Amino acid sequence: MLRQSGVAAAEFGILAVLFFTMVLAVIELARVMFVLNTLYEVTRHAADAAAFANHRDTNALDRIRQRAVFRDSPGDLIISAPVSDDSVRISYQALLRASDGSMTMQEIPTGSLPICPRDNREICLADPNASNCIRFVSASICDEADRVECTHVVYRPFLPLIDFPIRLPKATTIRAVESFGSMPEGTPCL
């Protein structure tokens, strides 16, 4: 009988390790699913709000990014680090017509953006396919360390015991622009 006294404790130890490993794996999988679903909601909120905000108003764009990640100040998306308001990239697209009649969207470089929303409206009325006519706004989730390219954010597990080399999707949302906060009889560009 003495030889069997530690068997129950050893069996419990083995089963407890397996049980808690499985519980932690289920929690981590649930978190991954939450992050994946939330990223699309974040970019949808950002693109919708940016369609109505002045594209030159950096304070308004910062507030849009913060509200898109459900915050009132800079920071990470809840339980979704490393995704933060700095990960939300807003860009503006032109709709170009090729010589064969096909249409393609192209990102407008920051230096080529119109001076103000009223200027954009005048450019688009003159030529809806001009290379600096903002027709669409795009919101994506990008690695905040890479300011040039929009590279994928790498998922960081809640408990870093196991490395998950999961690249999160960019979750890009594209929306047609609206007023950019300008009225037809609004003030001229400064």
N, C-alpha and C. Protein backbone atom coordinates (compact mmCIF):
# COMPACT_ATOMS: atom_id res chain seq x y z
N MET A 1 0.80 -1.19 0.00
CA MET A 1 0.00 0.00 0.00
C MET A 1 0.85 1.26 0.00
N LEU A 2 1.97 1.26 0.59
CA LEU A 2 2.81 2.43 0.65
C LEU A 2 3.32 2.84 -0.72
N ARG A 3 3.48 1.90 -1.63
CA ARG A 3 3.99 2.22 -2.96
C ARG A 3 2.95 2.96 -3.77
N GLN A 4 1.70 2.90 -3.43
CA GLN A 4 0.61 3.53 -4.19
C GLN A 4 0.21 4.88 -3.60
N SER A 5 0.82 5.34 -2.55
CA SER A 5 0.37 6.55 -1.87
C SER A 5 0.56 7.81 -2.72
N GLY A 6 1.51 7.88 -3.60
CA GLY A 6 1.73 9.06 -4.42
C GLY A 6 1.14 8.97 -5.81
N VAL A 7 0.49 7.86 -6.16
CA VAL A 7 -0.04 7.66 -7.50
C VAL A 7 -1.15 8.66 -7.80
N ALA A 8 -2.03 8.88 -6.86
CA ALA A 8 -3.15 9.81 -7.08
C ALA A 8 -2.64 11.23 -7.31
N ALA A 9 -1.64 11.62 -6.55
CA ALA A 9 -1.07 12.96 -6.71
C ALA A 9 -0.38 13.09 -8.07
N ALA A 10 0.33 12.08 -8.50
CA ALA A 10 1.00 12.12 -9.80
C ALA A 10 -0.01 12.16 -10.93
N GLU A 11 -1.06 11.35 -10.83
CA GLU A 11 -2.11 11.36 -11.86
C GLU A 11 -2.81 12.73 -11.91
N PHE A 12 -3.08 13.27 -10.73
CA PHE A 12 -3.71 14.59 -10.69
C PHE A 12 -2.80 15.64 -11.32
N GLY A 13 -1.52 15.57 -11.05
CA GLY A 13 -0.56 16.52 -11.61
C GLY A 13 -0.54 16.46 -13.14
N ILE A 14 -0.52 15.26 -13.67
CA ILE A 14 -0.50 15.10 -15.14
C ILE A 14 -1.80 15.62 -15.75
N LEU A 15 -2.92 15.24 -15.17
CA LEU A 15 -4.22 15.69 -15.69
C LEU A 15 -4.43 17.19 -15.51
N ALA A 16 -3.94 17.74 -14.41
CA ALA A 16 -4.09 19.18 -14.17
C ALA A 16 -3.32 19.98 -15.22
N VAL A 17 -2.12 19.53 -15.55
CA VAL A 17 -1.33 20.22 -16.59
C VAL A 17 -2.07 20.17 -17.92
N LEU A 18 -2.58 19.02 -18.29
CA LEU A 18 -3.33 18.91 -19.54
C LEU A 18 -4.60 19.75 -19.51
N PHE A 19 -5.32 19.71 -18.39
CA PHE A 19 -6.57 20.48 -18.28
C PHE A 19 -6.31 21.98 -18.39
N PHE A 20 -5.36 22.50 -17.63
CA PHE A 20 -5.09 23.94 -17.67
C PHE A 20 -4.47 24.37 -19.00
N THR A 21 -3.71 23.50 -19.64
CA THR A 21 -3.20 23.82 -20.97
C THR A 21 -4.35 23.96 -21.96
N MET A 22 -5.30 23.06 -21.87
CA MET A 22 -6.46 23.13 -22.76
C MET A 22 -7.31 24.37 -22.46
N VAL A 23 -7.51 24.69 -21.21
CA VAL A 23 -8.29 25.88 -20.85
C VAL A 23 -7.61 27.14 -21.37
N LEU A 24 -6.30 27.25 -21.17
CA LEU A 24 -5.57 28.43 -21.67
C LEU A 24 -5.59 28.49 -23.20
N ALA A 25 -5.51 27.35 -23.86
CA ALA A 25 -5.57 27.33 -25.33
C ALA A 25 -6.94 27.81 -25.82
N VAL A 26 -8.01 27.40 -25.15
CA VAL A 26 -9.36 27.84 -25.53
C VAL A 26 -9.51 29.34 -25.30
N ILE A 27 -8.99 29.85 -24.19
CA ILE A 27 -9.05 31.29 -23.91
C ILE A 27 -8.27 32.06 -24.97
N GLU A 28 -7.09 31.58 -25.33
CA GLU A 28 -6.27 32.27 -26.35
C GLU A 28 -6.95 32.22 -27.72
N LEU A 29 -7.55 31.10 -28.06
CA LEU A 29 -8.27 30.99 -29.33
C LEU A 29 -9.47 31.96 -29.36
N ALA A 30 -10.17 32.07 -28.25
CA ALA A 30 -11.29 33.01 -28.17
C ALA A 30 -10.80 34.45 -28.34
N ARG A 31 -9.65 34.75 -27.77
CA ARG A 31 -9.08 36.09 -27.90
C ARG A 31 -8.68 36.37 -29.35
N VAL A 32 -8.09 35.39 -30.01
CA VAL A 32 -7.72 35.54 -31.43
C VAL A 32 -8.97 35.84 -32.26
N MET A 33 -10.04 35.11 -32.01
CA MET A 33 -11.29 35.33 -32.76
C MET A 33 -11.86 36.72 -32.47
N PHE A 34 -11.78 37.15 -31.22
CA PHE A 34 -12.24 38.50 -30.85
C PHE A 34 -11.45 39.55 -31.61
N VAL A 35 -10.12 39.42 -31.62
CA VAL A 35 -9.27 40.40 -32.30
C VAL A 35 -9.58 40.42 -33.79
N LEU A 36 -9.68 39.26 -34.41
CA LEU A 36 -9.95 39.20 -35.86
C LEU A 36 -11.28 39.87 -36.20
N ASN A 37 -12.30 39.61 -35.43
CA ASN A 37 -13.61 40.22 -35.69
C ASN A 37 -13.61 41.72 -35.40
N THR A 38 -12.91 42.13 -34.37
CA THR A 38 -12.91 43.53 -33.98
C THR A 38 -12.14 44.40 -34.97
N LEU A 39 -11.10 43.87 -35.61
CA LEU A 39 -10.32 44.67 -36.55
C LEU A 39 -11.19 45.21 -37.69
N TYR A 40 -12.11 44.40 -38.19
CA TYR A 40 -12.98 44.85 -39.27
C TYR A 40 -13.94 45.94 -38.79
N GLU A 41 -14.37 45.84 -37.55
CA GLU A 41 -15.24 46.87 -36.97
C GLU A 41 -14.45 48.18 -36.79
N VAL A 42 -13.21 48.07 -36.37
CA VAL A 42 -12.36 49.24 -36.18
C VAL A 42 -12.18 49.99 -37.50
N THR A 43 -11.83 49.28 -38.57
CA THR A 43 -11.61 49.97 -39.85
C THR A 43 -12.91 50.52 -40.43
N ARG A 44 -14.02 49.83 -40.18
CA ARG A 44 -15.30 50.35 -40.67
C ARG A 44 -15.64 51.67 -39.98
N HIS A 45 -15.45 51.74 -38.66
CA HIS A 45 -15.70 52.98 -37.92
C HIS A 45 -14.77 54.10 -38.41
N ALA A 46 -13.50 53.79 -38.60
CA ALA A 46 -12.53 54.80 -39.03
C ALA A 46 -12.86 55.33 -40.43
N ALA A 47 -13.17 54.44 -41.36
CA ALA A 47 -13.47 54.89 -42.73
C ALA A 47 -14.76 55.70 -42.77
N ASP A 48 -15.78 55.27 -42.03
CA ASP A 48 -17.05 56.01 -42.00
C ASP A 48 -16.85 57.43 -41.47
N ALA A 49 -16.11 57.55 -40.38
CA ALA A 49 -15.89 58.88 -39.79
C ALA A 49 -14.98 59.74 -40.65
N ALA A 50 -13.96 59.15 -41.25
CA ALA A 50 -13.01 59.91 -42.08
C ALA A 50 -13.67 60.43 -43.36
N ALA A 51 -14.73 59.80 -43.80
CA ALA A 51 -15.43 60.26 -45.01
C ALA A 51 -16.10 61.62 -44.78
N PHE A 52 -16.33 61.97 -43.52
CA PHE A 52 -16.99 63.23 -43.20
C PHE A 52 -16.05 64.26 -42.59
N ALA A 53 -14.81 63.90 -42.29
CA ALA A 53 -13.87 64.80 -41.63
C ALA A 53 -12.90 65.40 -42.65
N ASN A 54 -12.46 66.60 -42.36
CA ASN A 54 -11.48 67.28 -43.20
C ASN A 54 -10.19 66.47 -43.23
N HIS A 55 -9.72 66.14 -44.42
CA HIS A 55 -8.54 65.30 -44.57
C HIS A 55 -7.25 65.99 -44.14
N ARG A 56 -7.27 67.28 -43.92
CA ARG A 56 -6.09 68.02 -43.47
C ARG A 56 -6.12 68.30 -41.96
N ASP A 57 -7.21 67.99 -41.29
CA ASP A 57 -7.36 68.25 -39.85
C ASP A 57 -6.77 67.07 -39.07
N THR A 58 -5.51 67.19 -38.68
CA THR A 58 -4.83 66.09 -38.00
C THR A 58 -5.45 65.77 -36.64
N ASN A 59 -5.95 66.79 -35.94
CA ASN A 59 -6.59 66.54 -34.64
C ASN A 59 -7.86 65.71 -34.82
N ALA A 60 -8.65 66.04 -35.83
CA ALA A 60 -9.88 65.27 -36.09
C ALA A 60 -9.54 63.84 -36.48
N LEU A 61 -8.51 63.65 -37.30
CA LEU A 61 -8.11 62.30 -37.70
C LEU A 61 -7.57 61.49 -36.52
N ASP A 62 -6.86 62.16 -35.60
CA ASP A 62 -6.40 61.46 -34.39
C ASP A 62 -7.59 61.01 -33.54
N ARG A 63 -8.60 61.88 -33.39
CA ARG A 63 -9.80 61.51 -32.63
C ARG A 63 -10.54 60.37 -33.31
N ILE A 64 -10.58 60.36 -34.63
CA ILE A 64 -11.24 59.27 -35.37
C ILE A 64 -10.52 57.95 -35.10
N ARG A 65 -9.19 57.96 -35.13
CA ARG A 65 -8.42 56.74 -34.87
C ARG A 65 -8.66 56.24 -33.44
N GLN A 66 -8.69 57.17 -32.49
CA GLN A 66 -8.91 56.78 -31.09
C GLN A 66 -10.30 56.20 -30.89
N ARG A 67 -11.30 56.85 -31.46
CA ARG A 67 -12.67 56.34 -31.31
C ARG A 67 -12.86 55.03 -32.06
N ALA A 68 -12.10 54.83 -33.13
CA ALA A 68 -12.22 53.58 -33.88
C ALA A 68 -11.77 52.39 -33.02
N VAL A 69 -10.79 52.61 -32.14
CA VAL A 69 -10.34 51.54 -31.24
C VAL A 69 -11.04 51.63 -29.89
N PHE A 70 -12.18 52.34 -29.88
CA PHE A 70 -13.06 52.42 -28.71
C PHE A 70 -12.38 53.07 -27.51
N ARG A 71 -11.66 54.17 -27.78
CA ARG A 71 -10.97 54.92 -26.72
C ARG A 71 -11.27 56.40 -26.89
N ASP A 72 -11.02 57.16 -25.80
CA ASP A 72 -11.11 58.62 -25.85
C ASP A 72 -9.73 59.26 -25.78
N SER A 73 -8.70 58.45 -25.71
CA SER A 73 -7.33 58.92 -25.64
C SER A 73 -6.45 57.91 -26.38
N PRO A 74 -5.20 58.27 -26.67
CA PRO A 74 -4.33 57.31 -27.35
C PRO A 74 -4.14 56.05 -26.51
N GLY A 75 -4.03 54.91 -27.19
CA GLY A 75 -3.79 53.66 -26.49
C GLY A 75 -4.16 52.45 -27.31
N ASP A 76 -4.04 51.28 -26.67
CA ASP A 76 -4.30 50.00 -27.33
C ASP A 76 -5.78 49.69 -27.39
N LEU A 77 -6.14 48.89 -28.38
CA LEU A 77 -7.48 48.32 -28.45
C LEU A 77 -7.62 47.36 -27.27
N ILE A 78 -8.74 47.37 -26.62
CA ILE A 78 -8.94 46.58 -25.40
C ILE A 78 -8.61 45.11 -25.65
N ILE A 79 -7.81 44.53 -24.79
CA ILE A 79 -7.27 43.16 -24.82
C ILE A 79 -6.76 42.74 -26.19
N SER A 80 -6.28 43.71 -26.96
CA SER A 80 -5.82 43.41 -28.32
C SER A 80 -4.47 44.00 -28.65
N ALA A 81 -3.61 44.22 -27.65
CA ALA A 81 -2.28 44.74 -27.94
C ALA A 81 -1.59 43.75 -28.90
N PRO A 82 -0.86 44.21 -29.86
CA PRO A 82 -0.29 45.51 -30.09
C PRO A 82 -1.11 46.42 -31.01
N VAL A 83 -2.37 46.14 -31.25
CA VAL A 83 -3.20 47.01 -32.09
C VAL A 83 -3.59 48.23 -31.26
N SER A 84 -3.31 49.42 -31.79
CA SER A 84 -3.62 50.66 -31.09
C SER A 84 -4.16 51.68 -32.08
N ASP A 85 -4.44 52.88 -31.59
CA ASP A 85 -4.92 53.92 -32.49
C ASP A 85 -3.86 54.28 -33.53
N ASP A 86 -2.58 54.09 -33.19
CA ASP A 86 -1.51 54.34 -34.17
C ASP A 86 -1.48 53.27 -35.27
N SER A 87 -2.14 52.15 -35.06
CA SER A 87 -2.20 51.09 -36.07
C SER A 87 -3.23 51.38 -37.15
N VAL A 88 -4.16 52.28 -36.89
CA VAL A 88 -5.21 52.60 -37.85
C VAL A 88 -4.65 53.60 -38.85
N ARG A 89 -4.51 53.16 -40.09
CA ARG A 89 -3.97 54.01 -41.15
C ARG A 89 -5.09 54.45 -42.08
N ILE A 90 -5.26 55.76 -42.22
CA ILE A 90 -6.29 56.33 -43.10
C ILE A 90 -5.59 56.89 -44.32
N SER A 91 -6.07 56.50 -45.50
CA SER A 91 -5.50 57.01 -46.74
C SER A 91 -6.64 57.40 -47.68
N TYR A 92 -6.29 58.15 -48.70
CA TYR A 92 -7.28 58.68 -49.64
C TYR A 92 -6.97 58.17 -51.03
N GLN A 93 -8.03 57.81 -51.76
CA GLN A 93 -7.89 57.14 -53.05
C GLN A 93 -8.54 57.98 -54.16
N ALA A 94 -7.90 57.96 -55.31
CA ALA A 94 -8.47 58.55 -56.53
C ALA A 94 -8.93 57.41 -57.42
N LEU A 95 -9.91 57.69 -58.26
CA LEU A 95 -10.40 56.70 -59.22
C LEU A 95 -9.93 57.13 -60.60
N LEU A 96 -8.93 56.43 -61.11
CA LEU A 96 -8.31 56.80 -62.38
C LEU A 96 -8.89 55.98 -63.52
N ARG A 97 -9.06 56.63 -64.68
CA ARG A 97 -9.53 55.94 -65.87
C ARG A 97 -8.35 55.74 -66.81
N ALA A 98 -8.13 54.49 -67.19
CA ALA A 98 -7.05 54.16 -68.12
C ALA A 98 -7.51 54.45 -69.55
N SER A 99 -6.58 54.41 -70.48
CA SER A 99 -6.90 54.70 -71.88
C SER A 99 -7.87 53.69 -72.47
N ASP A 100 -7.90 52.46 -71.93
CA ASP A 100 -8.84 51.45 -72.43
C ASP A 100 -10.22 51.56 -71.75
N GLY A 101 -10.40 52.55 -70.87
CA GLY A 101 -11.69 52.76 -70.22
C GLY A 101 -11.83 52.09 -68.87
N SER A 102 -10.86 51.27 -68.49
CA SER A 102 -10.95 50.59 -67.19
C SER A 102 -10.65 51.58 -66.06
N MET A 103 -11.22 51.30 -64.90
CA MET A 103 -11.06 52.17 -63.75
C MET A 103 -10.20 51.47 -62.70
N THR A 104 -9.29 52.21 -62.09
CA THR A 104 -8.47 51.67 -61.02
C THR A 104 -8.38 52.70 -59.89
N MET A 105 -8.33 52.17 -58.67
CA MET A 105 -8.13 53.05 -57.52
C MET A 105 -6.64 53.17 -57.25
N GLN A 106 -6.23 54.38 -56.90
CA GLN A 106 -4.83 54.62 -56.60
C GLN A 106 -4.74 55.54 -55.40
N GLU A 107 -3.85 55.21 -54.47
CA GLU A 107 -3.68 56.07 -53.30
C GLU A 107 -3.06 57.40 -53.71
N ILE A 108 -3.59 58.47 -53.14
CA ILE A 108 -3.08 59.81 -53.42
C ILE A 108 -1.98 60.11 -52.41
N PRO A 109 -0.76 60.42 -52.87
CA PRO A 109 0.31 60.77 -51.92
C PRO A 109 -0.08 62.01 -51.12
N THR A 110 0.41 62.09 -49.90
CA THR A 110 0.06 63.20 -49.00
C THR A 110 0.35 64.55 -49.63
N GLY A 111 1.45 64.68 -50.33
CA GLY A 111 1.80 65.96 -50.95
C GLY A 111 0.88 66.37 -52.09
N SER A 112 0.13 65.44 -52.65
CA SER A 112 -0.76 65.75 -53.77
C SER A 112 -2.21 65.93 -53.34
N LEU A 113 -2.51 65.77 -52.06
CA LEU A 113 -3.89 65.94 -51.60
C LEU A 113 -4.33 67.38 -51.78
N PRO A 114 -5.60 67.61 -52.08
CA PRO A 114 -6.10 68.98 -52.19
C PRO A 114 -5.91 69.75 -50.88
N ILE A 115 -5.87 71.06 -50.99
CA ILE A 115 -5.60 71.90 -49.83
C ILE A 115 -6.72 71.82 -48.80
N CYS A 116 -7.96 71.75 -49.26
CA CYS A 116 -9.09 71.72 -48.33
C CYS A 116 -10.26 70.98 -49.00
N PRO A 117 -11.31 70.66 -48.24
CA PRO A 117 -12.46 69.93 -48.81
C PRO A 117 -13.12 70.66 -49.97
N ARG A 118 -13.21 71.98 -49.89
CA ARG A 118 -13.83 72.73 -50.98
C ARG A 118 -12.99 72.62 -52.25
N ASP A 119 -11.68 72.66 -52.10
CA ASP A 119 -10.77 72.50 -53.24
C ASP A 119 -10.95 71.10 -53.85
N ASN A 120 -11.13 70.08 -53.01
CA ASN A 120 -11.36 68.73 -53.53
C ASN A 120 -12.63 68.67 -54.35
N ARG A 121 -13.69 69.33 -53.88
CA ARG A 121 -14.95 69.32 -54.62
C ARG A 121 -14.78 69.98 -55.99
N GLU A 122 -14.04 71.09 -56.03
CA GLU A 122 -13.82 71.78 -57.31
C GLU A 122 -12.99 70.93 -58.27
N ILE A 123 -11.97 70.26 -57.74
CA ILE A 123 -11.14 69.38 -58.57
C ILE A 123 -11.99 68.25 -59.14
N CYS A 124 -12.82 67.63 -58.28
CA CYS A 124 -13.64 66.49 -58.71
C CYS A 124 -14.74 66.91 -59.69
N LEU A 125 -15.27 68.11 -59.53
CA LEU A 125 -16.28 68.60 -60.49
C LEU A 125 -15.65 68.84 -61.85
N ALA A 126 -14.43 69.34 -61.86
CA ALA A 126 -13.73 69.60 -63.13
C ALA A 126 -13.31 68.30 -63.81
N ASP A 127 -12.82 67.34 -63.04
CA ASP A 127 -12.39 66.04 -63.59
C ASP A 127 -12.53 64.97 -62.52
N PRO A 128 -13.62 64.18 -62.56
CA PRO A 128 -13.83 63.17 -61.52
C PRO A 128 -12.75 62.08 -61.49
N ASN A 129 -11.94 61.99 -62.53
CA ASN A 129 -10.89 60.98 -62.57
C ASN A 129 -9.50 61.60 -62.47
N ALA A 130 -9.42 62.80 -61.90
CA ALA A 130 -8.11 63.45 -61.69
C ALA A 130 -7.32 62.66 -60.65
N SER A 131 -6.02 62.71 -60.76
CA SER A 131 -5.17 61.92 -59.85
C SER A 131 -5.17 62.47 -58.43
N ASN A 132 -5.68 63.70 -58.23
CA ASN A 132 -5.76 64.25 -56.88
C ASN A 132 -7.19 64.53 -56.44
N CYS A 133 -8.16 63.92 -57.12
CA CYS A 133 -9.57 64.01 -56.74
C CYS A 133 -9.86 62.87 -55.76
N ILE A 134 -10.10 63.24 -54.49
CA ILE A 134 -10.35 62.21 -53.48
C ILE A 134 -11.76 61.67 -53.68
N ARG A 135 -11.87 60.41 -54.08
CA ARG A 135 -13.17 59.77 -54.29
C ARG A 135 -13.48 58.75 -53.19
N PHE A 136 -12.44 58.16 -52.60
CA PHE A 136 -12.63 57.13 -51.59
C PHE A 136 -11.67 57.36 -50.42
N VAL A 137 -12.10 56.93 -49.26
CA VAL A 137 -11.24 56.93 -48.08
C VAL A 137 -11.06 55.47 -47.66
N SER A 138 -9.85 55.14 -47.27
CA SER A 138 -9.50 53.77 -46.91
C SER A 138 -8.94 53.75 -45.49
N ALA A 139 -9.37 52.77 -44.71
CA ALA A 139 -8.82 52.58 -43.36
C ALA A 139 -8.30 51.15 -43.27
N SER A 140 -7.09 50.99 -42.77
CA SER A 140 -6.45 49.69 -42.64
C SER A 140 -5.75 49.58 -41.30
N ILE A 141 -5.49 48.35 -40.88
CA ILE A 141 -4.70 48.09 -39.68
C ILE A 141 -3.29 47.76 -40.14
N CYS A 142 -2.33 48.61 -39.75
CA CYS A 142 -0.95 48.45 -40.19
C CYS A 142 -0.02 48.47 -38.98
N ASP A 143 1.13 47.85 -39.14
CA ASP A 143 2.14 47.87 -38.08
C ASP A 143 2.59 49.31 -37.90
N GLU A 144 2.46 49.82 -36.68
CA GLU A 144 2.78 51.22 -36.43
C GLU A 144 4.26 51.52 -36.55
N ALA A 145 5.11 50.51 -36.50
CA ALA A 145 6.56 50.72 -36.65
C ALA A 145 6.93 51.02 -38.09
N ASP A 146 6.12 50.59 -39.05
CA ASP A 146 6.40 50.80 -40.48
C ASP A 146 5.50 51.92 -40.99
N ARG A 147 6.05 53.11 -41.12
CA ARG A 147 5.26 54.27 -41.56
C ARG A 147 5.18 54.39 -43.09
N VAL A 148 6.03 53.66 -43.80
CA VAL A 148 6.05 53.76 -45.26
C VAL A 148 5.07 52.78 -45.89
N GLU A 149 5.22 51.51 -45.59
CA GLU A 149 4.35 50.46 -46.13
C GLU A 149 3.31 50.09 -45.07
N CYS A 150 2.23 49.53 -45.52
CA CYS A 150 1.22 49.01 -44.60
C CYS A 150 1.49 47.51 -44.43
N THR A 151 2.30 47.17 -43.43
CA THR A 151 2.61 45.78 -43.17
C THR A 151 1.70 45.24 -42.07
N HIS A 152 1.53 43.94 -42.06
CA HIS A 152 0.65 43.28 -41.11
C HIS A 152 1.15 43.44 -39.67
N VAL A 153 0.22 43.59 -38.76
CA VAL A 153 0.54 43.57 -37.33
C VAL A 153 0.65 42.10 -36.92
N VAL A 154 1.67 41.78 -36.14
CA VAL A 154 1.85 40.40 -35.68
C VAL A 154 1.14 40.25 -34.34
N TYR A 155 0.33 39.21 -34.25
CA TYR A 155 -0.45 38.94 -33.04
C TYR A 155 0.47 38.64 -31.86
N ARG A 156 0.13 39.21 -30.71
CA ARG A 156 0.90 38.95 -29.49
C ARG A 156 -0.01 38.20 -28.51
N PRO A 157 0.33 36.96 -28.14
CA PRO A 157 -0.52 36.20 -27.23
C PRO A 157 -0.62 36.85 -25.85
N PHE A 158 -1.75 36.60 -25.20
CA PHE A 158 -1.99 37.13 -23.86
C PHE A 158 -0.96 36.59 -22.88
N LEU A 159 -0.72 35.30 -22.93
CA LEU A 159 0.33 34.66 -22.13
C LEU A 159 1.43 34.23 -23.09
N PRO A 160 2.57 34.87 -23.04
CA PRO A 160 3.62 34.57 -24.03
C PRO A 160 4.37 33.27 -23.78
N LEU A 161 3.66 32.24 -23.38
CA LEU A 161 4.30 30.94 -23.18
C LEU A 161 4.57 30.26 -24.51
N ILE A 162 3.63 30.44 -25.44
CA ILE A 162 3.75 29.85 -26.76
C ILE A 162 3.69 30.97 -27.78
N ASP A 163 4.61 30.96 -28.71
CA ASP A 163 4.65 32.00 -29.73
C ASP A 163 3.70 31.64 -30.87
N PHE A 164 2.71 32.51 -31.09
CA PHE A 164 1.79 32.34 -32.22
C PHE A 164 2.26 33.25 -33.34
N PRO A 165 2.84 32.72 -34.40
CA PRO A 165 3.29 33.60 -35.49
C PRO A 165 2.13 33.96 -36.43
N ILE A 166 1.08 34.54 -35.87
CA ILE A 166 -0.10 34.89 -36.65
C ILE A 166 0.01 36.35 -37.08
N ARG A 167 -0.09 36.58 -38.38
CA ARG A 167 -0.14 37.95 -38.89
C ARG A 167 -1.60 38.34 -38.98
N LEU A 168 -1.97 39.41 -38.30
CA LEU A 168 -3.35 39.87 -38.32
C LEU A 168 -3.67 40.47 -39.69
N PRO A 169 -4.90 40.35 -40.14
CA PRO A 169 -5.26 40.93 -41.43
C PRO A 169 -5.25 42.45 -41.37
N LYS A 170 -5.05 43.08 -42.51
CA LYS A 170 -5.10 44.54 -42.58
C LYS A 170 -6.52 45.05 -42.40
N ALA A 171 -7.50 44.19 -42.65
CA ALA A 171 -8.92 44.50 -42.43
C ALA A 171 -9.32 45.81 -43.11
N THR A 172 -8.87 46.03 -44.32
CA THR A 172 -9.10 47.28 -45.02
C THR A 172 -10.58 47.50 -45.33
N THR A 173 -11.03 48.70 -45.05
CA THR A 173 -12.39 49.14 -45.40
C THR A 173 -12.26 50.36 -46.30
N ILE A 174 -12.96 50.33 -47.42
CA ILE A 174 -12.94 51.46 -48.37
C ILE A 174 -14.36 52.01 -48.44
N ARG A 175 -14.47 53.33 -48.34
CA ARG A 175 -15.77 53.98 -48.35
C ARG A 175 -15.70 55.22 -49.24
N ALA A 176 -16.79 55.50 -49.93
CA ALA A 176 -16.86 56.71 -50.75
C ALA A 176 -16.83 57.93 -49.84
N VAL A 177 -16.14 58.98 -50.27
CA VAL A 177 -16.07 60.19 -49.46
C VAL A 177 -17.42 60.91 -49.46
N GLU A 178 -17.61 61.69 -48.46
CA GLU A 178 -18.81 62.52 -48.35
C GLU A 178 -18.39 63.97 -48.43
N SER A 179 -18.78 64.76 -47.49
CA SER A 179 -18.56 66.21 -47.54
C SER A 179 -17.20 66.64 -47.04
N PHE A 180 -16.51 65.81 -46.29
CA PHE A 180 -15.27 66.19 -45.62
C PHE A 180 -15.51 67.39 -44.70
N GLY A 181 -16.76 67.61 -44.29
CA GLY A 181 -17.10 68.71 -43.40
C GLY A 181 -17.29 70.03 -44.10
N SER A 182 -17.33 70.05 -45.42
CA SER A 182 -17.46 71.30 -46.18
C SER A 182 -18.89 71.46 -46.68
N MET A 183 -19.31 72.70 -46.78
CA MET A 183 -20.62 73.03 -47.34
C MET A 183 -20.40 73.74 -48.67
N PRO A 184 -21.35 73.64 -49.63
CA PRO A 184 -21.16 74.30 -50.93
C PRO A 184 -20.87 75.77 -50.83
N GLU A 185 -21.53 76.46 -49.90
CA GLU A 185 -21.28 77.89 -49.75
C GLU A 185 -20.33 78.16 -48.60
N GLY A 186 -19.51 77.19 -48.27
CA GLY A 186 -18.59 77.27 -47.14
C GLY A 186 -17.48 78.26 -47.38
N THR A 187 -16.65 78.41 -46.37
CA THR A 187 -15.55 79.35 -46.48
C THR A 187 -14.51 78.85 -47.48
N PRO A 188 -13.82 79.76 -48.15
CA PRO A 188 -12.80 79.32 -49.11
C PRO A 188 -11.60 78.71 -48.40
N CYS A 189 -10.77 78.04 -49.17
CA CYS A 189 -9.56 77.43 -48.62
C CYS A 189 -8.62 78.51 -48.13
N LEU A 190 -7.94 78.24 -47.05
CA LEU A 190 -6.98 79.20 -46.51
C LEU A 190 -5.60 78.92 -47.02
